[in-house]
Structure formats: C-alpha cells, structure tokens
C-alpha atoms as a PDB file:
ATOM      1  CA  MET A   1       0.000   0.000   0.000  1.00  0.00           C
ATOM      2  CA  MET A   2       1.303   3.439  -0.902  1.00  0.00           C
ATOM      3  CA  ASN A   3       0.348   4.881   2.512  1.00  0.00           C
ATOM      4  CA  ASP A   4       2.166   2.220   4.513  1.00  0.00           C
ATOM      5  CA  PRO A   5       5.206   3.429   6.457  1.00  0.00           C
ATOM      6  CA  MET A   6       8.661   2.628   5.118  1.00  0.00           C
ATOM      7  CA  LEU A   7       9.771  -0.038   7.567  1.00  0.00           C
ATOM      8  CA  PHE A   8      13.317  -0.519   6.318  1.00  0.00           C
ATOM      9  CA  SER A   9      15.830   1.999   5.057  1.00  0.00           C
ATOM     10  CA  LEU A  10      18.629   0.996   2.728  1.00  0.00           C
ATOM     11  CA  LEU A  11      21.173   0.111   5.414  1.00  0.00           C
ATOM     12  CA  ASP A  12      18.836  -1.475   7.974  1.00  0.00           C
ATOM     13  CA  LEU A  13      19.844  -4.960   6.883  1.00  0.00           C
ATOM     14  CA  PRO A  14      23.240  -6.569   6.317  1.00  0.00           C
ATOM     15  CA  ARG A  15      24.402  -7.591   2.901  1.00  0.00           C
ATOM     16  CA  PHE A  16      25.477 -11.164   2.184  1.00  0.00           C
ATOM     17  CA  PRO A  17      27.246 -12.613  -0.865  1.00  0.00           C
ATOM     18  CA  ARG A  18      24.878 -13.634  -3.645  1.00  0.00           C
ATOM     19  CA  ILE A  19      24.209 -17.319  -4.224  1.00  0.00           C
ATOM     20  CA  GLU A  20      22.954 -18.215  -7.714  1.00  0.00           C
ATOM     21  CA  GLU A  21      19.536 -19.654  -6.998  1.00  0.00           C
ATOM     22  CA  LYS A  22      15.911 -18.989  -7.846  1.00  0.00           C
ATOM     23  CA  SER A  23      14.497 -15.564  -7.018  1.00  0.00           C
ATOM     24  CA  PHE A  24      12.397 -14.786  -3.935  1.00  0.00           C
ATOM     25  CA  LYS A  25      10.280 -11.839  -2.862  1.00  0.00           C
ATOM     26  CA  SER A  26      12.268  -9.199  -1.026  1.00  0.00           C
ATOM     27  CA  LEU A  27      12.108  -9.005   2.757  1.00  0.00           C
ATOM     28  CA  LYS A  28       9.898  -6.130   3.878  1.00  0.00           C
ATOM     29  CA  HIS A  29       8.478  -7.614   7.059  1.00  0.00           C
ATOM     30  CA  PRO A  30       9.662  -5.943  10.267  1.00  0.00           C
ATOM     31  CA  VAL A  31      10.506  -7.429  13.615  1.00  0.00           C
ATOM     32  CA  TRP A  32       8.300  -5.589  16.114  1.00  0.00           C
ATOM     33  CA  SER A  33       9.578  -4.581  19.547  1.00  0.00           C
ATOM     34  CA  GLU A  34       7.220  -7.012  21.304  1.00  0.00           C
ATOM     35  CA  GLU A  35       8.846  -9.820  19.323  1.00  0.00           C
ATOM     36  CA  LYS A  36      12.368  -8.921  20.476  1.00  0.00           C
ATOM     37  CA  ALA A  37      12.505 -11.740  23.046  1.00  0.00           C
ATOM     38  CA  ASN A  38      11.309 -14.237  20.439  1.00  0.00           C
ATOM     39  CA  LEU A  39      14.090 -13.113  18.109  1.00  0.00           C
ATOM     40  CA  ILE A  40      16.655 -13.743  20.860  1.00  0.00           C
ATOM     41  CA  ARG A  41      15.163 -17.159  21.590  1.00  0.00           C
ATOM     42  CA  GLU A  42      15.077 -18.148  17.923  1.00  0.00           C
ATOM     43  CA  TYR A  43      18.703 -17.166  17.347  1.00  0.00           C
ATOM     44  CA  ILE A  44      19.902 -18.980  20.485  1.00  0.00           C
ATOM     45  CA  ARG A  45      18.098 -22.083  19.237  1.00  0.00           C
ATOM     46  CA  HIS A  46      20.161 -21.906  16.026  1.00  0.00           C
ATOM     47  CA  PHE A  47      23.305 -21.099  18.034  1.00  0.00           C
ATOM     48  CA  THR A  48      22.738 -24.261  20.104  1.00  0.00           C
ATOM     49  CA  TYR A  49      22.279 -26.476  17.071  1.00  0.00           C
ATOM     50  CA  VAL A  50      25.671 -25.341  15.774  1.00  0.00           C
ATOM     51  CA  THR A  51      27.622 -25.394  19.049  1.00  0.00           C
ATOM     52  CA  LYS A  52      25.968 -28.430  20.745  1.00  0.00           C
ATOM     53  CA  HIS A  53      26.964 -26.832  24.089  1.00  0.00           C
ATOM     54  CA  GLY A  54      27.518 -23.411  25.526  1.00  0.00           C
ATOM     55  CA  ALA A  55      27.292 -20.687  28.142  1.00  0.00           C
ATOM     56  CA  TYR A  56      24.807 -17.828  28.191  1.00  0.00           C
ATOM     57  CA  ILE A  57      25.286 -14.432  29.868  1.00  0.00           C
ATOM     58  CA  ASP A  58      22.364 -12.007  30.151  1.00  0.00           C
ATOM     59  CA  GLY A  59      23.649  -8.748  31.567  1.00  0.00           C
ATOM     60  CA  PHE A  60      20.301  -6.984  32.002  1.00  0.00           C
ATOM     61  CA  ALA A  61      18.031  -9.965  32.281  1.00  0.00           C
ATOM     62  CA  ALA A  62      14.893  -8.897  34.159  1.00  0.00           C
ATOM     63  CA  PRO A  63      12.023  -7.892  31.831  1.00  0.00           C
ATOM     64  CA  GLN A  64      11.496  -4.147  31.615  1.00  0.00           C
ATOM     65  CA  ARG A  65       7.802  -4.748  32.300  1.00  0.00           C
ATOM     66  CA  ARG A  66       7.816  -6.898  35.412  1.00  0.00           C
ATOM     67  CA  ASN A  67       4.265  -8.149  34.767  1.00  0.00           C
ATOM     68  CA  MET A  68       5.287  -9.614  31.400  1.00  0.00           C
ATOM     69  CA  SER A  69       7.694 -12.298  32.560  1.00  0.00           C
ATOM     70  CA  GLU A  70       6.125 -14.790  30.156  1.00  0.00           C
ATOM     71  CA  ILE A  71       7.917 -13.035  27.285  1.00  0.00           C
ATOM     72  CA  CYS A  72      11.139 -12.411  29.211  1.00  0.00           C
ATOM     73  CA  SER A  73      14.050 -13.404  26.953  1.00  0.00           C
ATOM     74  CA  ALA A  74      15.767 -15.229  29.832  1.00  0.00           C
ATOM     75  CA  ARG A  75      12.704 -17.408  30.341  1.00  0.00           C
ATOM     76  CA  LEU A  76      12.315 -18.120  26.633  1.00  0.00           C
ATOM     77  CA  VAL A  77      15.987 -19.028  26.218  1.00  0.00           C
ATOM     78  CA  LEU A  78      15.872 -21.361  29.239  1.00  0.00           C
ATOM     79  CA  GLU A  79      12.792 -23.077  27.813  1.00  0.00           C
ATOM     80  CA  ASN A  80      14.437 -23.576  24.413  1.00  0.00           C
ATOM     81  CA  ASP A  81      15.020 -27.054  23.002  1.00  0.00           C
ATOM     82  CA  PRO A  82      17.475 -28.673  22.695  1.00  0.00           C
ATOM     83  CA  LYS A  83      18.733 -27.855  26.179  1.00  0.00           C
ATOM     84  CA  TRP A  84      22.428 -28.131  25.399  1.00  0.00           C
ATOM     85  CA  ILE A  85      23.468 -24.819  26.979  1.00  0.00           C
ATOM     86  CA  THR A  86      24.266 -25.743  30.573  1.00  0.00           C
ATOM     87  CA  ARG A  87      25.748 -22.568  32.102  1.00  0.00           C
ATOM     88  CA  PHE A  88      23.609 -19.445  32.584  1.00  0.00           C
ATOM     89  CA  TRP A  89      24.192 -16.116  34.307  1.00  0.00           C
ATOM     90  CA  LEU A  90      21.080 -13.952  34.647  1.00  0.00           C
ATOM     91  CA  CYS A  91      22.074 -10.524  35.928  1.00  0.00           C
ATOM     92  CA  ASP A  92      20.140  -7.476  37.079  1.00  0.00           C
ATOM     93  CA  ILE A  93      20.605  -4.536  39.411  1.00  0.00           C
ATOM     94  CA  ASP A  94      16.954  -4.191  40.469  1.00  0.00           C
ATOM     95  CA  PRO A  95      15.954  -6.257  43.545  1.00  0.00           C
ATOM     96  CA  HIS A  96      12.436  -6.892  42.221  1.00  0.00           C
ATOM     97  CA  GLY A  97      13.894  -8.046  38.913  1.00  0.00           C
ATOM     98  CA  VAL A  98      16.308 -10.349  40.740  1.00  0.00           C
ATOM     99  CA  THR A  99      13.388 -11.909  42.631  1.00  0.00           C
ATOM    100  CA  LEU A 100      11.630 -12.580  39.339  1.00  0.00           C
ATOM    101  CA  LEU A 101      14.784 -14.050  37.811  1.00  0.00           C
ATOM    102  CA  ASN A 102      15.160 -16.394  40.781  1.00  0.00           C
ATOM    103  CA  GLU A 103      11.621 -17.646  40.148  1.00  0.00           C
ATOM    104  CA  ILE A 104      12.395 -18.173  36.457  1.00  0.00           C
ATOM    105  CA  ALA A 105      15.654 -19.976  37.303  1.00  0.00           C
ATOM    106  CA  ALA A 106      13.977 -22.270  39.842  1.00  0.00           C
ATOM    107  CA  ALA A 107      11.340 -23.288  37.311  1.00  0.00           C
ATOM    108  CA  ASN A 108      13.963 -24.217  34.711  1.00  0.00           C
ATOM    109  CA  GLN A 109      16.589 -26.115  36.720  1.00  0.00           C
ATOM    110  CA  PHE A 110      17.443 -29.709  35.928  1.00  0.00           C
ATOM    111  CA  LYS A 111      20.367 -32.052  36.431  1.00  0.00           C
ATOM    112  CA  GLY A 112      23.527 -30.905  34.685  1.00  0.00           C
ATOM    113  CA  ARG A 113      22.322 -27.330  34.200  1.00  0.00           C
ATOM    114  CA  ARG A 114      23.596 -24.467  36.348  1.00  0.00           C
ATOM    115  CA  ILE A 115      21.667 -21.184  36.435  1.00  0.00           C
ATOM    116  CA  LYS A 116      23.136 -18.395  38.528  1.00  0.00           C
ATOM    117  CA  VAL A 117      21.136 -15.241  39.224  1.00  0.00           C
ATOM    118  CA  VAL A 118      23.576 -12.372  39.834  1.00  0.00           C
ATOM    119  CA  ALA A 119      22.400  -9.285  41.699  1.00  0.00           C
ATOM    120  CA  GLY A 120      24.161  -5.962  41.159  1.00  0.00           C
ATOM    121  CA  ASP A 121      25.634  -3.764  38.466  1.00  0.00           C
ATOM    122  CA  PHE A 122      26.629  -5.991  35.548  1.00  0.00           C
ATOM    123  CA  ASN A 123      29.560  -3.683  34.781  1.00  0.00           C
ATOM    124  CA  VAL A 124      30.988  -4.840  38.118  1.00  0.00           C
ATOM    125  CA  THR A 125      29.731  -8.435  38.348  1.00  0.00           C
ATOM    126  CA  VAL A 126      30.941  -9.311  34.840  1.00  0.00           C
ATOM    127  CA  SER A 127      34.444  -9.709  36.290  1.00  0.00           C
ATOM    128  CA  ASP A 128      33.294 -12.498  38.611  1.00  0.00           C
ATOM    129  CA  ILE A 129      31.466 -14.237  35.770  1.00  0.00           C
ATOM    130  CA  LEU A 130      34.508 -14.207  33.512  1.00  0.00           C
ATOM    131  CA  SER A 131      36.810 -15.399  36.314  1.00  0.00           C
ATOM    132  CA  SER A 132      34.464 -18.213  37.373  1.00  0.00           C
ATOM    133  CA  GLY A 133      36.378 -20.821  35.359  1.00  0.00           C
ATOM    134  CA  ASP A 134      33.217 -21.902  33.536  1.00  0.00           C
ATOM    135  CA  ILE A 135      34.050 -19.940  30.392  1.00  0.00           C
ATOM    136  CA  THR A 136      37.034 -21.536  28.712  1.00  0.00           C
ATOM    137  CA  ALA A 137      38.674 -20.745  25.398  1.00  0.00           C
ATOM    138  CA  LYS A 138      36.693 -23.546  23.743  1.00  0.00           C
ATOM    139  CA  LYS A 139      33.349 -22.908  25.445  1.00  0.00           C
ATOM    140  CA  ALA A 140      30.883 -21.377  22.989  1.00  0.00           C
ATOM    141  CA  THR A 141      29.605 -18.334  24.865  1.00  0.00           C
ATOM    142  CA  PHE A 142      26.869 -15.830  24.088  1.00  0.00           C
ATOM    143  CA  ALA A 143      26.260 -12.498  25.851  1.00  0.00           C
ATOM    144  CA  LEU A 144      23.001 -10.565  25.632  1.00  0.00           C
ATOM    145  CA  LEU A 145      23.405  -6.844  26.410  1.00  0.00           C
ATOM    146  CA  ASP A 146      19.789  -5.683  26.307  1.00  0.00           C
ATOM    147  CA  GLN A 147      20.349  -2.402  28.128  1.00  0.00           C
ATOM    148  CA  ARG A 148      17.568   0.159  28.575  1.00  0.00           C
ATOM    149  CA  THR A 149      19.631   3.112  27.329  1.00  0.00           C
ATOM    150  CA  PHE A 150      23.071   3.850  28.836  1.00  0.00           C
ATOM    151  CA  GLU A 151      23.543   1.052  31.399  1.00  0.00           C
ATOM    152  CA  CYS A 152      26.233  -1.012  29.659  1.00  0.00           C
ATOM    153  CA  ALA A 153      29.699   0.551  29.930  1.00  0.00           C
ATOM    154  CA  TRP A 154      31.900   0.252  26.863  1.00  0.00           C
ATOM    155  CA  GLU A 155      34.615  -1.185  29.097  1.00  0.00           C
ATOM    156  CA  THR A 156      32.250  -4.088  29.853  1.00  0.00           C
ATOM    157  CA  VAL A 157      31.857  -4.811  26.137  1.00  0.00           C
ATOM    158  CA  GLU A 158      35.650  -4.688  25.810  1.00  0.00           C
ATOM    159  CA  ARG A 159      36.044  -7.194  28.658  1.00  0.00           C
ATOM    160  CA  LEU A 160      33.639  -9.621  27.043  1.00  0.00           C
ATOM    161  CA  ALA A 161      35.276  -9.281  23.623  1.00  0.00           C
ATOM    162  CA  SER A 162      38.834  -9.740  24.874  1.00  0.00           C
ATOM    163  CA  PHE A 163      38.281 -12.476  27.451  1.00  0.00           C
ATOM    164  CA  LYS A 164      38.570 -15.679  25.423  1.00  0.00           C
ATOM    165  CA  PRO A 165      41.451 -14.395  23.231  1.00  0.00           C
ATOM    166  CA  SER A 166      43.265 -13.654  26.508  1.00  0.00           C
ATOM    167  CA  LEU A 167      43.091 -17.392  27.231  1.00  0.00           C
ATOM    168  CA  ASP A 168      44.000 -18.443  23.690  1.00  0.00           C
ATOM    169  CA  PRO A 169      44.814 -15.972  20.875  1.00  0.00           C
ATOM    170  CA  GLU A 170      43.106 -18.312  18.399  1.00  0.00           C
ATOM    171  CA  ALA A 171      39.867 -18.555  20.403  1.00  0.00           C
ATOM    172  CA  THR A 172      36.546 -17.398  19.000  1.00  0.00           C
ATOM    173  CA  LYS A 173      35.368 -14.347  20.938  1.00  0.00           C
ATOM    174  CA  ILE A 174      32.225 -14.306  23.058  1.00  0.00           C
ATOM    175  CA  GLU A 175      29.315 -13.655  20.703  1.00  0.00           C
ATOM    176  CA  ILE A 176      27.304 -10.521  21.523  1.00  0.00           C
ATOM    177  CA  PHE A 177      23.853  -9.057  20.959  1.00  0.00           C
ATOM    178  CA  TYR A 178      24.163  -5.360  21.872  1.00  0.00           C
ATOM    179  CA  PHE A 179      21.027  -3.204  21.935  1.00  0.00           C
ATOM    180  CA  LEU A 180      21.214   0.472  20.984  1.00  0.00           C
ATOM    181  CA  ALA A 181      18.160   2.515  22.067  1.00  0.00           C
ATOM    182  CA  THR A 182      17.696   4.212  18.700  1.00  0.00           C
ATOM    183  CA  GLY A 183      14.124   5.356  19.311  1.00  0.00           C
ATOM    184  CA  TRP A 184      14.843   7.679  22.245  1.00  0.00           C
ATOM    185  CA  LEU A 185      18.598   8.190  22.084  1.00  0.00           C
ATOM    186  CA  ASP A 186      18.406  11.803  20.830  1.00  0.00           C
ATOM    187  CA  ARG A 187      15.964  12.780  23.584  1.00  0.00           C
ATOM    188  CA  SER A 188      18.029  11.053  26.256  1.00  0.00           C
ATOM    189  CA  ILE A 189      21.257  12.755  25.188  1.00  0.00           C
ATOM    190  CA  ALA A 190      19.536  16.155  25.019  1.00  0.00           C
ATOM    191  CA  ALA A 191      18.364  15.698  28.618  1.00  0.00           C
ATOM    192  CA  VAL A 192      21.893  15.295  29.982  1.00  0.00           C
ATOM    193  CA  LYS A 193      22.690  18.326  32.145  1.00  0.00           C
ATOM    194  CA  ARG A 194      24.391  17.145  35.319  1.00  0.00           C
ATOM    195  CA  PRO A 195      28.111  16.257  35.396  1.00  0.00           C
ATOM    196  CA  GLU A 196      27.411  12.850  36.996  1.00  0.00           C
ATOM    197  CA  THR A 197      25.024  11.970  34.139  1.00  0.00           C
ATOM    198  CA  ALA A 198      27.587  13.092  31.574  1.00  0.00           C
ATOM    199  CA  ALA A 199      30.149  10.860  33.306  1.00  0.00           C
ATOM    200  CA  LYS A 200      27.745   7.933  32.987  1.00  0.00           C
ATOM    201  CA  LEU A 201      27.542   8.537  29.238  1.00  0.00           C
ATOM    202  CA  ASP A 202      31.327   8.765  29.073  1.00  0.00           C
ATOM    203  CA  ARG A 203      31.428   5.251  30.545  1.00  0.00           C
ATOM    204  CA  TRP A 204      28.654   4.026  28.252  1.00  0.00           C
ATOM    205  CA  TRP A 205      30.250   5.288  25.041  1.00  0.00           C
ATOM    206  CA  GLY A 206      33.827   4.751  26.193  1.00  0.00           C
ATOM    207  CA  LYS A 207      34.859   8.284  25.296  1.00  0.00           C
ATOM    208  CA  SER A 208      33.537  11.817  25.686  1.00  0.00           C
ATOM    209  CA  ASP A 209      32.324  12.610  22.147  1.00  0.00           C
ATOM    210  CA  TRP A 210      28.872  11.022  22.639  1.00  0.00           C
ATOM    211  CA  ARG A 211      27.066  14.343  22.052  1.00  0.00           C
ATOM    212  CA  GLU A 212      28.002  13.971  18.388  1.00  0.00           C
ATOM    213  CA  LEU A 213      25.523  11.092  18.229  1.00  0.00           C
ATOM    214  CA  GLN A 214      22.622  13.486  18.809  1.00  0.00           C
ATOM    215  CA  GLY A 215      20.823  14.303  15.556  1.00  0.00           C
ATOM    216  CA  MET A 216      22.822  11.748  13.583  1.00  0.00           C
ATOM    217  CA  ASP A 217      20.890   9.613  11.119  1.00  0.00           C
ATOM    218  CA  SER A 218      19.907   6.482  13.046  1.00  0.00           C
ATOM    219  CA  ILE A 219      21.320   4.083  10.470  1.00  0.00           C
ATOM    220  CA  ALA A 220      24.604   5.990  10.295  1.00  0.00           C
ATOM    221  CA  ARG A 221      24.728   5.836  14.087  1.00  0.00           C
ATOM    222  CA  ALA A 222      24.161   2.075  14.077  1.00  0.00           C
ATOM    223  CA  ASN A 223      26.857   1.659  11.437  1.00  0.00           C
ATOM    224  CA  LEU A 224      29.255   3.749  13.525  1.00  0.00           C
ATOM    225  CA  LEU A 225      28.744   1.257  16.341  1.00  0.00           C
ATOM    226  CA  VAL A 226      29.276  -1.614  13.898  1.00  0.00           C
ATOM    227  CA  ALA A 227      32.590  -0.054  12.894  1.00  0.00           C
ATOM    228  CA  ARG A 228      33.671   0.189  16.536  1.00  0.00           C
ATOM    229  CA  PHE A 229      32.889  -3.486  17.128  1.00  0.00           C
ATOM    230  CA  LYS A 230      35.071  -4.371  14.154  1.00  0.00           C
ATOM    231  CA  GLN A 231      37.922  -1.911  14.568  1.00  0.00           C
ATOM    232  CA  GLU A 232      38.201  -1.579  18.348  1.00  0.00           C
ATOM    233  CA  LEU A 233      36.987  -5.003  19.482  1.00  0.00           C
ATOM    234  CA  GLY A 234      38.196  -7.051  16.521  1.00  0.00           C
ATOM    235  CA  TYR A 235      34.995  -8.893  15.604  1.00  0.00           C
ATOM    236  CA  LYS A 236      34.977 -10.393  12.115  1.00  0.00           C
ATOM    237  CA  TYR A 237      31.253 -10.251  11.402  1.00  0.00           C
ATOM    238  CA  VAL A 238      29.076  -7.419  12.721  1.00  0.00           C
ATOM    239  CA  HIS A 239      25.612  -6.394  11.477  1.00  0.00           C
ATOM    240  CA  PRO A 240      22.840  -4.080  12.742  1.00  0.00           C
ATOM    241  CA  TYR A 241      19.224  -5.278  12.822  1.00  0.00           C
ATOM    242  CA  ALA A 242      16.311  -2.875  13.210  1.00  0.00           C
ATOM    243  CA  ILE A 243      13.585  -3.533  15.796  1.00  0.00           C
ATOM    244  CA  HIS A 244      10.426  -1.527  15.064  1.00  0.00           C
ATOM    245  CA  SER A 245       7.433  -0.185  16.955  1.00  0.00           C
ATOM    246  CA  ARG A 246       4.074  -1.414  15.710  1.00  0.00           C
ATOM    247  CA  ILE A 247       2.207   1.432  17.408  1.00  0.00           C
ATOM    248  CA  ARG A 248       4.523   4.174  16.120  1.00  0.00           C
ATOM    249  CA  GLY A 249       4.070   3.600  12.429  1.00  0.00           C
ATOM    250  CA  GLY A 250       7.082   1.348  12.026  1.00  0.00           C
ATOM    251  CA  ARG A 251       9.532   3.643  13.791  1.00  0.00           C
ATOM    252  CA  THR A 252      12.849   1.993  14.649  1.00  0.00           C
ATOM    253  CA  MET A 253      13.081   1.632  18.429  1.00  0.00           C
ATOM    254  CA  TYR A 254      16.323  -0.374  18.669  1.00  0.00           C
ATOM    255  CA  HIS A 255      19.229  -1.420  16.564  1.00  0.00           C
ATOM    256  CA  MET A 256      20.457  -4.803  17.679  1.00  0.00           C
ATOM    257  CA  ILE A 257      24.157  -5.172  16.888  1.00  0.00           C
ATOM    258  CA  HIS A 258      25.159  -8.794  16.305  1.00  0.00           C
ATOM    259  CA  ALA A 259      28.911  -9.325  16.735  1.00  0.00           C
ATOM    260  CA  THR A 260      30.541 -12.700  16.128  1.00  0.00           C
ATOM    261  CA  ASP A 261      33.691 -14.404  14.881  1.00  0.00           C
ATOM    262  CA  HIS A 262      31.854 -17.487  13.614  1.00  0.00           C
ATOM    263  CA  PRO A 263      31.265 -17.562   9.815  1.00  0.00           C
ATOM    264  CA  GLU A 264      27.963 -19.450  10.177  1.00  0.00           C
ATOM    265  CA  ALA A 265      26.466 -17.065  12.719  1.00  0.00           C
ATOM    266  CA  SER A 266      25.379 -14.152  10.510  1.00  0.00           C
ATOM    267  CA  PRO A 267      23.322 -16.266   8.056  1.00  0.00           C
ATOM    268  CA  LEU A 268      21.714 -18.014  11.041  1.00  0.00           C
ATOM    269  CA  MET A 269      20.888 -14.647  12.598  1.00  0.00           C
ATOM    270  CA  LEU A 270      19.268 -13.490   9.374  1.00  0.00           C
ATOM    271  CA  ARG A 271      17.318 -16.717   9.229  1.00  0.00           C
ATOM    272  CA  ALA A 272      16.028 -16.124  12.779  1.00  0.00           C
ATOM    273  CA  TYR A 273      15.133 -12.524  11.904  1.00  0.00           C
ATOM    274  CA  ARG A 274      13.145 -13.643   8.880  1.00  0.00           C
ATOM    275  CA  LYS A 275      11.243 -16.272  10.836  1.00  0.00           C
ATOM    276  CA  VAL A 276      10.255 -13.911  13.632  1.00  0.00           C
ATOM    277  CA  SER A 277       9.224 -11.268  11.076  1.00  0.00           C
ATOM    278  CA  GLY A 278       6.747 -13.728   9.574  1.00  0.00           C
ATOM    279  CA  ARG A 279       8.583 -15.268   6.622  1.00  0.00           C
ATOM    280  CA  SER A 280       8.157 -19.004   6.118  1.00  0.00           C
ATOM    281  CA  ASP A 281      10.658 -19.871   3.341  1.00  0.00           C
ATOM    282  CA  LEU A 282      13.580 -20.537   5.650  1.00  0.00           C
ATOM    283  CA  ASP A 283      16.273 -22.358   3.713  1.00  0.00           C
ATOM    284  CA  GLU A 284      19.561 -20.487   3.747  1.00  0.00           C
ATOM    285  CA  ALA A 285      19.899 -20.086  -0.022  1.00  0.00           C
ATOM    286  CA  ALA A 286      16.493 -18.435  -0.012  1.00  0.00           C
ATOM    287  CA  THR A 287      17.604 -16.180   2.807  1.00  0.00           C
ATOM    288  CA  GLN A 288      20.589 -14.838   0.925  1.00  0.00           C
ATOM    289  CA  MET A 289      18.711 -14.477  -2.372  1.00  0.00           C
ATOM    290  CA  ASP A 290      15.927 -12.691  -0.552  1.00  0.00           C
ATOM    291  CA  MET A 291      18.418 -10.123   0.699  1.00  0.00           C
ATOM    292  CA  ASP A 292      19.958  -9.764  -2.749  1.00  0.00           C
ATOM    293  CA  ALA A 293      16.519  -9.046  -4.227  1.00  0.00           C
ATOM    294  CA  TRP A 294      15.850  -6.458  -1.544  1.00  0.00           C
ATOM    295  CA  TRP A 295      19.090  -4.611  -2.293  1.00  0.00           C
ATOM    296  CA  LYS A 296      18.290  -4.568  -6.030  1.00  0.00           C
ATOM    297  CA  GLU A 297      14.893  -3.060  -5.329  1.00  0.00           C
ATOM    298  CA  VAL A 298      16.041  -0.243  -3.070  1.00  0.00           C
ATOM    299  CA  GLU A 299      19.255   0.696  -4.832  1.00  0.00           C
END
C-alpha cells in the first residue's frame, strides 16, 4: 500500500554474498519490539544447534515490564530445546527483577544445568562471571546486552570481547547481541545536564564525544557502532538489525548489533530474523537471495 510506512531503510539490513539460486520476494516484514525476546530465543536455538553446548550471559536480564515475565528473553531461552546450553548467568541490578529471575531460574533447573542469578551492576559483576572458570577458550559463549539506554559501559563490552582471546589468541570471541536505544537516544542525550550523568555517558560510550551522536541519522549511528565493534573489538562479522514499533508507524526503536567471529552465525541470525518477522521460506539459499533481491529493489 502506498500509505504504509517505510519499515526498512537501505542500510537497515546486512548484505550477504549472492548465491545463484531462484528468485524470492524481497524481505519487507519488520521485527516488532514485542517480538524482540522471540528473536533472541530463535537465534539462540540456532546457536545451540551449531555449538551443541555453551554458556549464556544475560547482563540486564529482568524484563522491563515486570508483569510480562512470560515473554522475558531469559525465560524463553531457558525453555528452548534442545537444552544443550548448561551454564547461565542472569544478571540485574533491580531487587524486584532479581526476585523474578530467581523464580524463572527455579522453574527451569534440571540435572547438569547451572543457572546463577547475579544481583548488582553488571559492569561490576561481569568480572566475577569471567573469572568463574566456567568460560574456557573452547566454550561457545553468548552475551546478551539488552540495556535500557546507557547502562552497559563500553569497558564491559571490551572485557567480554577480549576475554577468550586472553586465554588463547586463536579462540573465537564471546558472541554478543548489543542493543542500541535508537528510538529515544536523541531525547536522552539532550536531557543530559548534570556532570554525573555526563560521566555515565562517558562510561557508556567509552569516550567523551557522545554528544556527536545526537541528531545523527539512526542508520549511520548504528553503522558507527558496527565499525567500533570491528575496529576496536576485533569482531569479524558485525551487522545491525532494526527492531520496530508497531504502534509508532514502524519507527525503529532499537538497533540490535550482532557481533561474532563465527562464519555461520550471521546467516543463522538473518534466518532467525526472517522467521520472527513472519517469513516461512527458511532455507539459507532463499535467505541470501531474498536479501539480494531487496538490495536490487532499493538501490
């Protein structure tokens, strides 16, 4: 329909090499913000099929709406099948959120699985998680950084990215989903007046030039973050994925940055994104041709 909102801009989706195969309709279906937890669950399901084992770190795990624990990403990931991930850290600073996470953990315990609920600031507690001995150079590890706005310090992202290579220079880095609050970032930056709040943003961004993000095109801003994950943290494959608001005419509320060293991870992430957005033709050749068709249409 001509009056429908434009849900994707040119750079909202990553570009993959073309595979010669039959043509498919281009992907125009969004992932809505209420489906964010389902996207996380679907990707972790694919992650588990590839790794056959693993560890899962959720730095800001309690649901933002405490009365909606049934769609909490931590709950959905714990309920996933197959249950091959056996080490979980569910972290949150809010006491009420920690209580809820303890209830979720208790309902999903079984022999051989260890779920630890960690109370406190994840930027502090991450050190104990990484030094626990449970995350080895060969342990496939995934970290979800679903911050509200400015809670995750850049130093914390650096610690996660550098940890496994510090054990073995050839190790695959901890895989990360990092959420950027695109929908209200400009307003939040504009509201910063007090020195202590500015210091918090210094920690979040890792340097003091964060005011330059205000007014920047949201896709350019997401791509700037992608570049930092590649250049500063050394990830091989990094792509931004838009998460939209159904009630705001398709407005982008988040960009989810997927950072990985594994060559199979990005196609699997795209496959999960397509499924949650409502597409049913899920074979991987179709996925890549679908993206190729989309680029041809918008270029």
